[in-house]
Amino acid sequence: MLRITIGTTIMILSAIAVGEMIVSRLTGSNLWVDLSRGMIFGTLISGPAVLFNAIVLRENVILSGKFRRAYRLASRNAEQVLTKNQELEAAQQRLAELAHSDFLTGLANRRRFEQAFADAFGAVGLGGPPFSLILLDLDNFKQINDGYGHDAGDSVLRHVAQRLRRSIADRPGLGARLGGDEFAILLWDTYDARDVESFASRLRDDLAKSHTYYGKTLDAPSSVSVSLNPDAFQSASEMFVATDKALLNLKRRPENGITILGHRKDDGDLSIAV
């Protein structure tokens, strides 16, 4: 704006000077008098325009400064809002995880397990893929708590959770702590019964390994109860109760083992202990 104003003023004054020179030469009048008159006339013409442009330029500079400050403030506010939204989303996600996770082991809690179990059972009734339910609890957890304290018991529970996570690391499934020393696993897409039995056997062997707590060796083996086919049961509750009952019966035996509940269309329910 300033460059345009100055350039325009110079062009006007130059045009007036040239005109006065031509008039002076044609009329034979005094050149300097004509130039002075022309400059005064040009100043009177261009002066208000220059003053107006100067005022406009000043206002533009002020407004430009205000705009830049407002833009910087808006940018900072937008960044702060974005940061707060990201923090809020992270907090909400964390709360959702806490609401569905066991605080001690990090596995799914009972609420999440029951929801996943009910959804999977309902999906099977609609023609969805089969799944298997595995229940287990530690055979002598009470003795560990009584003999070494609850901190030792908590350490064992965390070790068991790690082994459960490791067991399903390479296959689709959900590990959960139902409460106390009770755990559950849901295995998805279990079309091969022998594969599930092999999985349960490896899991039992892994859980039979000793735990170490501040130099102490703690043993907490587990019996394992497995239900292979949901379509053998009328409801998710019936499937859970039958699997849990089979686990209780198995624990009455002197040695831990595995109970497999299944369904064969030719000769009905199948229950074996190994």
C-alpha atoms as a PDB file:
ATOM      1  CA  MET A   1       0.000   0.000   0.000  1.00  0.00           C
ATOM      2  CA  LEU A   2       2.813   2.430   0.903  1.00  0.00           C
ATOM      3  CA  ARG A   3       4.669   1.686  -2.315  1.00  0.00           C
ATOM      4  CA  ILE A   4       1.533   2.240  -4.400  1.00  0.00           C
ATOM      5  CA  THR A   5       0.825   5.586  -2.665  1.00  0.00           C
ATOM      6  CA  ILE A   6       4.371   6.920  -3.143  1.00  0.00           C
ATOM      7  CA  GLY A   7       4.531   5.698  -6.737  1.00  0.00           C
ATOM      8  CA  THR A   8       1.201   7.279  -7.589  1.00  0.00           C
ATOM      9  CA  THR A   9       2.234  10.600  -6.037  1.00  0.00           C
ATOM     10  CA  ILE A  10       5.529  10.665  -7.947  1.00  0.00           C
ATOM     11  CA  MET A  11       3.733   9.876 -11.204  1.00  0.00           C
ATOM     12  CA  ILE A  12       1.226  12.698 -10.635  1.00  0.00           C
ATOM     13  CA  LEU A  13       3.931  15.230  -9.771  1.00  0.00           C
ATOM     14  CA  SER A  14       6.082  14.091 -12.701  1.00  0.00           C
ATOM     15  CA  ALA A  15       3.163  14.417 -15.103  1.00  0.00           C
ATOM     16  CA  ILE A  16       2.436  17.929 -13.800  1.00  0.00           C
ATOM     17  CA  ALA A  17       6.127  18.917 -14.118  1.00  0.00           C
ATOM     18  CA  VAL A  18       6.297  17.688 -17.699  1.00  0.00           C
ATOM     19  CA  GLY A  19       3.078  19.493 -18.524  1.00  0.00           C
ATOM     20  CA  GLU A  20       4.324  22.753 -17.038  1.00  0.00           C
ATOM     21  CA  MET A  21       7.580  22.460 -18.985  1.00  0.00           C
ATOM     22  CA  ILE A  22       5.634  22.028 -22.236  1.00  0.00           C
ATOM     23  CA  VAL A  23       3.315  24.945 -21.425  1.00  0.00           C
ATOM     24  CA  SER A  24       6.270  27.150 -20.463  1.00  0.00           C
ATOM     25  CA  ARG A  25       8.077  26.384 -23.722  1.00  0.00           C
ATOM     26  CA  LEU A  26       4.968  27.017 -25.825  1.00  0.00           C
ATOM     27  CA  THR A  27       3.969  30.224 -24.080  1.00  0.00           C
ATOM     28  CA  GLY A  28       7.440  31.504 -23.282  1.00  0.00           C
ATOM     29  CA  SER A  29       6.613  31.979 -19.613  1.00  0.00           C
ATOM     30  CA  ASN A  30       9.041  31.524 -16.726  1.00  0.00           C
ATOM     31  CA  LEU A  31       9.777  27.817 -16.340  1.00  0.00           C
ATOM     32  CA  TRP A  32      10.509  27.895 -12.600  1.00  0.00           C
ATOM     33  CA  VAL A  33       7.393  29.855 -11.852  1.00  0.00           C
ATOM     34  CA  ASP A  34       5.340  27.386 -13.863  1.00  0.00           C
ATOM     35  CA  LEU A  35       7.038  24.441 -12.118  1.00  0.00           C
ATOM     36  CA  SER A  36       6.417  25.919  -8.700  1.00  0.00           C
ATOM     37  CA  ARG A  37       2.790  26.573  -9.553  1.00  0.00           C
ATOM     38  CA  GLY A  38       2.428  23.067 -10.895  1.00  0.00           C
ATOM     39  CA  MET A  39       4.027  21.486  -7.838  1.00  0.00           C
ATOM     40  CA  ILE A  40       1.742  23.447  -5.530  1.00  0.00           C
ATOM     41  CA  PHE A  41      -1.259  22.418  -7.622  1.00  0.00           C
ATOM     42  CA  GLY A  42      -0.112  18.781  -7.700  1.00  0.00           C
ATOM     43  CA  THR A  43       0.430  18.771  -3.955  1.00  0.00           C
ATOM     44  CA  LEU A  44      -3.066  20.138  -3.399  1.00  0.00           C
ATOM     45  CA  ILE A  45      -4.436  17.351  -5.591  1.00  0.00           C
ATOM     46  CA  SER A  46      -2.346  14.437  -4.336  1.00  0.00           C
ATOM     47  CA  GLY A  47      -1.932  15.553  -0.733  1.00  0.00           C
ATOM     48  CA  PRO A  48      -5.380  14.415   0.503  1.00  0.00           C
ATOM     49  CA  ALA A  49      -4.961  11.126  -1.343  1.00  0.00           C
ATOM     50  CA  VAL A  50      -1.575  10.604   0.279  1.00  0.00           C
ATOM     51  CA  LEU A  51      -3.019  11.454   3.700  1.00  0.00           C
ATOM     52  CA  PHE A  52      -5.985   9.139   3.159  1.00  0.00           C
ATOM     53  CA  ASN A  53      -3.732   6.322   2.018  1.00  0.00           C
ATOM     54  CA  ALA A  54      -1.460   6.889   4.999  1.00  0.00           C
ATOM     55  CA  ILE A  55      -4.444   6.606   7.359  1.00  0.00           C
ATOM     56  CA  VAL A  56      -5.654   3.464   5.580  1.00  0.00           C
ATOM     57  CA  LEU A  57      -2.147   2.053   5.723  1.00  0.00           C
ATOM     58  CA  ARG A  58      -1.925   2.706   9.462  1.00  0.00           C
ATOM     59  CA  GLU A  59      -5.283   1.038  10.081  1.00  0.00           C
ATOM     60  CA  ASN A  60      -4.237  -1.910   7.945  1.00  0.00           C
ATOM     61  CA  VAL A  61      -1.043  -2.290   9.935  1.00  0.00           C
ATOM     62  CA  ILE A  62      -3.010  -2.189  13.210  1.00  0.00           C
ATOM     63  CA  LEU A  63      -5.602  -4.661  11.932  1.00  0.00           C
ATOM     64  CA  SER A  64      -2.891  -6.934  10.554  1.00  0.00           C
ATOM     65  CA  GLY A  65      -1.189  -6.996  13.930  1.00  0.00           C
ATOM     66  CA  LYS A  66      -4.475  -7.779  15.696  1.00  0.00           C
ATOM     67  CA  PHE A  67      -5.223 -10.517  13.173  1.00  0.00           C
ATOM     68  CA  ARG A  68      -1.815 -12.126  13.666  1.00  0.00           C
ATOM     69  CA  ARG A  69      -2.237 -12.047  17.448  1.00  0.00           C
ATOM     70  CA  ALA A  70      -5.749 -13.469  17.155  1.00  0.00           C
ATOM     71  CA  TYR A  71      -4.506 -16.172  14.783  1.00  0.00           C
ATOM     72  CA  ARG A  72      -1.687 -17.155  17.137  1.00  0.00           C
ATOM     73  CA  LEU A  73      -4.123 -17.238  20.059  1.00  0.00           C
ATOM     74  CA  ALA A  74      -6.620 -19.318  18.064  1.00  0.00           C
ATOM     75  CA  SER A  75      -3.846 -21.708  17.008  1.00  0.00           C
ATOM     76  CA  ARG A  76      -2.716 -22.164  20.606  1.00  0.00           C
ATOM     77  CA  ASN A  77      -6.304 -22.712  21.726  1.00  0.00           C
ATOM     78  CA  ALA A  78      -6.879 -25.230  18.928  1.00  0.00           C
ATOM     79  CA  GLU A  79      -3.720 -27.128  19.915  1.00  0.00           C
ATOM     80  CA  GLN A  80      -4.794 -27.103  23.560  1.00  0.00           C
ATOM     81  CA  VAL A  81      -8.280 -28.350  22.643  1.00  0.00           C
ATOM     82  CA  LEU A  82      -6.774 -31.100  20.471  1.00  0.00           C
ATOM     83  CA  THR A  83      -4.416 -32.113  23.259  1.00  0.00           C
ATOM     84  CA  LYS A  84      -7.239 -32.154  25.808  1.00  0.00           C
ATOM     85  CA  ASN A  85      -9.411 -34.241  23.466  1.00  0.00           C
ATOM     86  CA  GLN A  86      -6.586 -36.727  22.980  1.00  0.00           C
ATOM     87  CA  GLU A  87      -6.037 -36.906  26.734  1.00  0.00           C
ATOM     88  CA  LEU A  88      -9.780 -37.379  27.275  1.00  0.00           C
ATOM     89  CA  GLU A  89      -9.960 -40.167  24.681  1.00  0.00           C
ATOM     90  CA  ALA A  90      -6.944 -41.886  26.255  1.00  0.00           C
ATOM     91  CA  ALA A  91      -8.518 -41.569  29.725  1.00  0.00           C
ATOM     92  CA  GLN A  92     -11.837 -42.958  28.458  1.00  0.00           C
ATOM     93  CA  GLN A  93     -10.062 -45.854  26.786  1.00  0.00           C
ATOM     94  CA  ARG A  94      -8.105 -46.528  29.963  1.00  0.00           C
ATOM     95  CA  LEU A  95     -11.309 -46.452  32.041  1.00  0.00           C
ATOM     96  CA  ALA A  96     -12.941 -48.878  29.619  1.00  0.00           C
ATOM     97  CA  GLU A  97      -9.951 -51.196  29.923  1.00  0.00           C
ATOM     98  CA  LEU A  98     -10.028 -50.959  33.715  1.00  0.00           C
ATOM     99  CA  ALA A  99     -13.760 -51.662  33.743  1.00  0.00           C
ATOM    100  CA  HIS A 100     -13.174 -54.907  31.838  1.00  0.00           C
ATOM    101  CA  SER A 101      -9.805 -55.973  33.260  1.00  0.00           C
ATOM    102  CA  ASP A 102      -8.764 -57.721  36.427  1.00  0.00           C
ATOM    103  CA  PHE A 103      -6.740 -55.255  38.506  1.00  0.00           C
ATOM    104  CA  LEU A 104      -4.210 -57.828  39.718  1.00  0.00           C
ATOM    105  CA  THR A 105      -3.454 -59.933  36.655  1.00  0.00           C
ATOM    106  CA  GLY A 106      -4.475 -57.730  33.728  1.00  0.00           C
ATOM    107  CA  LEU A 107      -6.626 -60.524  32.308  1.00  0.00           C
ATOM    108  CA  ALA A 108     -10.255 -59.969  31.416  1.00  0.00           C
ATOM    109  CA  ASN A 109     -12.431 -59.724  34.515  1.00  0.00           C
ATOM    110  CA  ARG A 110     -15.599 -61.719  35.160  1.00  0.00           C
ATOM    111  CA  ARG A 111     -17.863 -59.097  33.599  1.00  0.00           C
ATOM    112  CA  ARG A 112     -15.978 -59.094  30.317  1.00  0.00           C
ATOM    113  CA  PHE A 113     -15.759 -62.897  30.325  1.00  0.00           C
ATOM    114  CA  GLU A 114     -19.490 -63.323  30.876  1.00  0.00           C
ATOM    115  CA  GLN A 115     -20.294 -60.893  28.060  1.00  0.00           C
ATOM    116  CA  ALA A 116     -17.904 -62.582  25.635  1.00  0.00           C
ATOM    117  CA  PHE A 117     -19.170 -66.025  26.677  1.00  0.00           C
ATOM    118  CA  ALA A 118     -22.821 -65.049  26.177  1.00  0.00           C
ATOM    119  CA  ASP A 119     -22.074 -63.430  22.794  1.00  0.00           C
ATOM    120  CA  ALA A 120     -20.153 -66.477  21.576  1.00  0.00           C
ATOM    121  CA  PHE A 121     -22.857 -68.883  22.731  1.00  0.00           C
ATOM    122  CA  GLY A 122     -25.545 -66.809  21.051  1.00  0.00           C
ATOM    123  CA  ALA A 123     -23.532 -66.696  17.825  1.00  0.00           C
ATOM    124  CA  VAL A 124     -23.286 -70.504  17.774  1.00  0.00           C
ATOM    125  CA  GLY A 125     -27.077 -70.699  17.993  1.00  0.00           C
ATOM    126  CA  LEU A 126     -27.229 -68.561  14.848  1.00  0.00           C
ATOM    127  CA  GLY A 127     -24.830 -70.778  12.946  1.00  0.00           C
ATOM    128  CA  GLY A 128     -21.617 -69.128  14.086  1.00  0.00           C
ATOM    129  CA  PRO A 129     -18.295 -70.907  14.657  1.00  0.00           C
ATOM    130  CA  PRO A 130     -17.881 -73.245  17.642  1.00  0.00           C
ATOM    131  CA  PHE A 131     -15.796 -72.339  20.655  1.00  0.00           C
ATOM    132  CA  SER A 132     -14.475 -74.135  23.728  1.00  0.00           C
ATOM    133  CA  LEU A 133     -14.743 -73.218  27.384  1.00  0.00           C
ATOM    134  CA  ILE A 134     -11.844 -74.040  29.721  1.00  0.00           C
ATOM    135  CA  LEU A 135     -12.099 -73.628  33.500  1.00  0.00           C
ATOM    136  CA  LEU A 136      -9.336 -74.088  36.043  1.00  0.00           C
ATOM    137  CA  ASP A 137      -8.382 -73.170  39.572  1.00  0.00           C
ATOM    138  CA  LEU A 138      -5.252 -73.773  41.616  1.00  0.00           C
ATOM    139  CA  ASP A 139      -5.220 -76.913  43.716  1.00  0.00           C
ATOM    140  CA  ASN A 140      -3.433 -75.617  46.819  1.00  0.00           C
ATOM    141  CA  PHE A 141      -3.715 -71.848  46.615  1.00  0.00           C
ATOM    142  CA  LYS A 142      -5.108 -71.561  50.144  1.00  0.00           C
ATOM    143  CA  GLN A 143      -2.028 -73.281  51.553  1.00  0.00           C
ATOM    144  CA  ILE A 144       0.210 -70.769  49.778  1.00  0.00           C
ATOM    145  CA  ASN A 145      -1.737 -67.818  51.192  1.00  0.00           C
ATOM    146  CA  ASP A 146      -1.774 -69.316  54.696  1.00  0.00           C
ATOM    147  CA  GLY A 147       1.860 -70.378  54.656  1.00  0.00           C
ATOM    148  CA  TYR A 148       3.573 -67.499  52.843  1.00  0.00           C
ATOM    149  CA  GLY A 149       1.115 -64.603  52.926  1.00  0.00           C
ATOM    150  CA  HIS A 150      -1.160 -62.908  50.458  1.00  0.00           C
ATOM    151  CA  ASP A 151       1.713 -61.169  48.663  1.00  0.00           C
ATOM    152  CA  ALA A 152       3.068 -64.580  47.731  1.00  0.00           C
ATOM    153  CA  GLY A 153      -0.404 -65.647  46.635  1.00  0.00           C
ATOM    154  CA  ASP A 154      -0.753 -62.532  44.465  1.00  0.00           C
ATOM    155  CA  SER A 155       2.610 -63.253  42.890  1.00  0.00           C
ATOM    156  CA  VAL A 156       1.485 -66.778  41.995  1.00  0.00           C
ATOM    157  CA  LEU A 157      -1.730 -65.442  40.475  1.00  0.00           C
ATOM    158  CA  ARG A 158       0.238 -63.033  38.289  1.00  0.00           C
ATOM    159  CA  HIS A 159       2.529 -65.877  37.180  1.00  0.00           C
ATOM    160  CA  VAL A 160      -0.490 -68.012  36.290  1.00  0.00           C
ATOM    161  CA  ALA A 161      -1.946 -65.116  34.285  1.00  0.00           C
ATOM    162  CA  GLN A 162       1.313 -64.810  32.349  1.00  0.00           C
ATOM    163  CA  ARG A 163       1.189 -68.503  31.496  1.00  0.00           C
ATOM    164  CA  LEU A 164      -2.430 -68.219  30.354  1.00  0.00           C
ATOM    165  CA  ARG A 165      -1.570 -65.284  28.100  1.00  0.00           C
ATOM    166  CA  ARG A 166       1.394 -67.208  26.727  1.00  0.00           C
ATOM    167  CA  SER A 167      -0.774 -70.242  26.012  1.00  0.00           C
ATOM    168  CA  ILE A 168      -3.176 -68.285  23.780  1.00  0.00           C
ATOM    169  CA  ALA A 169      -0.620 -65.935  22.264  1.00  0.00           C
ATOM    170  CA  ASP A 170      -0.645 -67.694  18.882  1.00  0.00           C
ATOM    171  CA  ARG A 171      -4.347 -68.483  18.668  1.00  0.00           C
ATOM    172  CA  PRO A 172      -7.636 -66.568  19.023  1.00  0.00           C
ATOM    173  CA  GLY A 173      -8.886 -66.687  22.569  1.00  0.00           C
ATOM    174  CA  LEU A 174      -9.693 -64.757  25.735  1.00  0.00           C
ATOM    175  CA  GLY A 175      -8.116 -65.369  29.139  1.00  0.00           C
ATOM    176  CA  ALA A 176      -9.960 -64.227  32.260  1.00  0.00           C
ATOM    177  CA  ARG A 177      -9.702 -64.290  36.018  1.00  0.00           C
ATOM    178  CA  LEU A 178     -13.118 -65.017  37.454  1.00  0.00           C
ATOM    179  CA  GLY A 179     -12.117 -64.344  41.056  1.00  0.00           C
ATOM    180  CA  GLY A 180      -9.762 -65.733  43.691  1.00  0.00           C
ATOM    181  CA  ASP A 181      -7.748 -68.505  42.070  1.00  0.00           C
ATOM    182  CA  GLU A 182     -10.405 -69.254  39.434  1.00  0.00           C
ATOM    183  CA  PHE A 183      -9.489 -68.696  35.786  1.00  0.00           C
ATOM    184  CA  ALA A 184     -11.177 -69.284  32.449  1.00  0.00           C
ATOM    185  CA  ILE A 185     -10.217 -69.388  28.797  1.00  0.00           C
ATOM    186  CA  LEU A 186     -12.472 -69.057  25.777  1.00  0.00           C
ATOM    187  CA  LEU A 187     -10.976 -70.517  22.613  1.00  0.00           C
ATOM    188  CA  TRP A 188     -12.555 -69.394  19.346  1.00  0.00           C
ATOM    189  CA  ASP A 189     -13.048 -71.423  16.159  1.00  0.00           C
ATOM    190  CA  THR A 190     -12.401 -74.808  17.784  1.00  0.00           C
ATOM    191  CA  TYR A 191     -13.351 -77.174  14.973  1.00  0.00           C
ATOM    192  CA  ASP A 192     -10.735 -79.765  15.983  1.00  0.00           C
ATOM    193  CA  ALA A 193     -11.523 -81.457  19.309  1.00  0.00           C
ATOM    194  CA  ARG A 194      -8.131 -83.187  19.466  1.00  0.00           C
ATOM    195  CA  ASP A 195      -6.387 -79.842  19.075  1.00  0.00           C
ATOM    196  CA  VAL A 196      -8.322 -78.459  22.050  1.00  0.00           C
ATOM    197  CA  GLU A 197      -7.479 -81.525  24.146  1.00  0.00           C
ATOM    198  CA  SER A 198      -3.812 -81.097  23.260  1.00  0.00           C
ATOM    199  CA  PHE A 199      -4.005 -77.429  24.204  1.00  0.00           C
ATOM    200  CA  ALA A 200      -5.552 -78.269  27.592  1.00  0.00           C
ATOM    201  CA  SER A 201      -2.883 -80.891  28.262  1.00  0.00           C
ATOM    202  CA  ARG A 202      -0.059 -78.437  27.511  1.00  0.00           C
ATOM    203  CA  LEU A 203      -1.742 -75.831  29.689  1.00  0.00           C
ATOM    204  CA  ARG A 204      -2.024 -78.225  32.620  1.00  0.00           C
ATOM    205  CA  ASP A 205       1.652 -79.158  32.279  1.00  0.00           C
ATOM    206  CA  ASP A 206       2.653 -75.497  32.148  1.00  0.00           C
ATOM    207  CA  LEU A 207       0.619 -74.666  35.250  1.00  0.00           C
ATOM    208  CA  ALA A 208       2.215 -77.597  37.104  1.00  0.00           C
ATOM    209  CA  LYS A 209       5.621 -75.901  36.943  1.00  0.00           C
ATOM    210  CA  SER A 210       6.804 -74.348  40.189  1.00  0.00           C
ATOM    211  CA  HIS A 211       6.722 -70.602  40.899  1.00  0.00           C
ATOM    212  CA  THR A 212       9.543 -68.661  42.535  1.00  0.00           C
ATOM    213  CA  TYR A 213       8.870 -66.006  45.161  1.00  0.00           C
ATOM    214  CA  TYR A 214      11.874 -64.350  46.864  1.00  0.00           C
ATOM    215  CA  GLY A 215      13.885 -67.530  46.630  1.00  0.00           C
ATOM    216  CA  LYS A 216      11.005 -69.739  47.732  1.00  0.00           C
ATOM    217  CA  THR A 217       9.629 -72.429  45.464  1.00  0.00           C
ATOM    218  CA  LEU A 218       5.834 -72.492  45.383  1.00  0.00           C
ATOM    219  CA  ASP A 219       3.796 -75.185  43.651  1.00  0.00           C
ATOM    220  CA  ALA A 220       0.282 -74.405  42.456  1.00  0.00           C
ATOM    221  CA  PRO A 221      -0.779 -77.028  39.881  1.00  0.00           C
ATOM    222  CA  SER A 222      -4.276 -76.957  38.505  1.00  0.00           C
ATOM    223  CA  SER A 223      -6.964 -79.285  37.287  1.00  0.00           C
ATOM    224  CA  VAL A 224      -8.515 -78.329  33.954  1.00  0.00           C
ATOM    225  CA  SER A 225     -12.097 -78.791  32.773  1.00  0.00           C
ATOM    226  CA  VAL A 226     -12.986 -78.322  29.104  1.00  0.00           C
ATOM    227  CA  SER A 227     -16.297 -78.112  27.258  1.00  0.00           C
ATOM    228  CA  LEU A 228     -15.770 -78.628  23.552  1.00  0.00           C
ATOM    229  CA  ASN A 229     -19.110 -77.987  21.877  1.00  0.00           C
ATOM    230  CA  PRO A 230     -21.668 -75.355  22.935  1.00  0.00           C
ATOM    231  CA  ASP A 231     -24.421 -77.028  20.894  1.00  0.00           C
ATOM    232  CA  ALA A 232     -24.507 -79.790  23.523  1.00  0.00           C
ATOM    233  CA  PHE A 233     -26.110 -77.332  25.967  1.00  0.00           C
ATOM    234  CA  GLN A 234     -29.335 -75.373  26.067  1.00  0.00           C
ATOM    235  CA  SER A 235     -27.803 -72.190  27.452  1.00  0.00           C
ATOM    236  CA  ALA A 236     -24.491 -70.551  28.294  1.00  0.00           C
ATOM    237  CA  SER A 237     -25.328 -70.933  31.977  1.00  0.00           C
ATOM    238  CA  GLU A 238     -25.882 -74.678  31.583  1.00  0.00           C
ATOM    239  CA  MET A 239     -22.566 -75.017  29.760  1.00  0.00           C
ATOM    240  CA  PHE A 240     -20.698 -73.120  32.469  1.00  0.00           C
ATOM    241  CA  VAL A 241     -22.331 -75.042  35.345  1.00  0.00           C
ATOM    242  CA  ALA A 242     -21.599 -78.406  33.716  1.00  0.00           C
ATOM    243  CA  THR A 243     -17.968 -77.476  33.088  1.00  0.00           C
ATOM    244  CA  ASP A 244     -17.543 -76.142  36.617  1.00  0.00           C
ATOM    245  CA  LYS A 245     -19.167 -79.245  38.129  1.00  0.00           C
ATOM    246  CA  ALA A 246     -16.816 -81.474  36.142  1.00  0.00           C
ATOM    247  CA  LEU A 247     -13.879 -79.451  37.507  1.00  0.00           C
ATOM    248  CA  LEU A 248     -15.084 -79.904  41.105  1.00  0.00           C
ATOM    249  CA  ASN A 249     -15.427 -83.635  40.609  1.00  0.00           C
ATOM    250  CA  LEU A 250     -11.963 -83.815  39.125  1.00  0.00           C
ATOM    251  CA  LYS A 251     -10.424 -81.928  42.054  1.00  0.00           C
ATOM    252  CA  ARG A 252     -11.712 -84.579  44.443  1.00  0.00           C
ATOM    253  CA  ARG A 253      -9.268 -87.009  42.867  1.00  0.00           C
ATOM    254  CA  PRO A 254      -5.841 -87.258  44.489  1.00  0.00           C
ATOM    255  CA  GLU A 255      -4.043 -86.057  41.371  1.00  0.00           C
ATOM    256  CA  ASN A 256      -4.853 -83.127  39.099  1.00  0.00           C
ATOM    257  CA  GLY A 257      -5.989 -83.919  35.599  1.00  0.00           C
ATOM    258  CA  ILE A 258      -8.207 -82.873  32.710  1.00  0.00           C
ATOM    259  CA  THR A 259     -11.919 -83.441  32.143  1.00  0.00           C
ATOM    260  CA  ILE A 260     -13.250 -83.135  28.604  1.00  0.00           C
ATOM    261  CA  LEU A 261     -16.962 -82.557  28.059  1.00  0.00           C
ATOM    262  CA  GLY A 262     -18.129 -82.978  24.488  1.00  0.00           C
ATOM    263  CA  HIS A 263     -21.004 -84.074  22.313  1.00  0.00           C
ATOM    264  CA  ARG A 264     -21.120 -86.870  19.764  1.00  0.00           C
ATOM    265  CA  LYS A 265     -24.229 -87.128  17.635  1.00  0.00           C
ATOM    266  CA  ASP A 266     -24.046 -90.932  17.506  1.00  0.00           C
ATOM    267  CA  ASP A 267     -23.836 -91.761  21.192  1.00  0.00           C
ATOM    268  CA  GLY A 268     -24.706 -88.611  23.092  1.00  0.00           C
ATOM    269  CA  ASP A 269     -22.705 -86.779  25.733  1.00  0.00           C
ATOM    270  CA  LEU A 270     -19.068 -87.609  26.107  1.00  0.00           C
ATOM    271  CA  SER A 271     -17.138 -86.998  29.304  1.00  0.00           C
ATOM    272  CA  ILE A 272     -13.625 -88.292  29.781  1.00  0.00           C
ATOM    273  CA  ALA A 273     -10.925 -87.640  32.348  1.00  0.00           C
ATOM    274  CA  VAL A 274      -7.256 -87.922  31.545  1.00  0.00           C
END
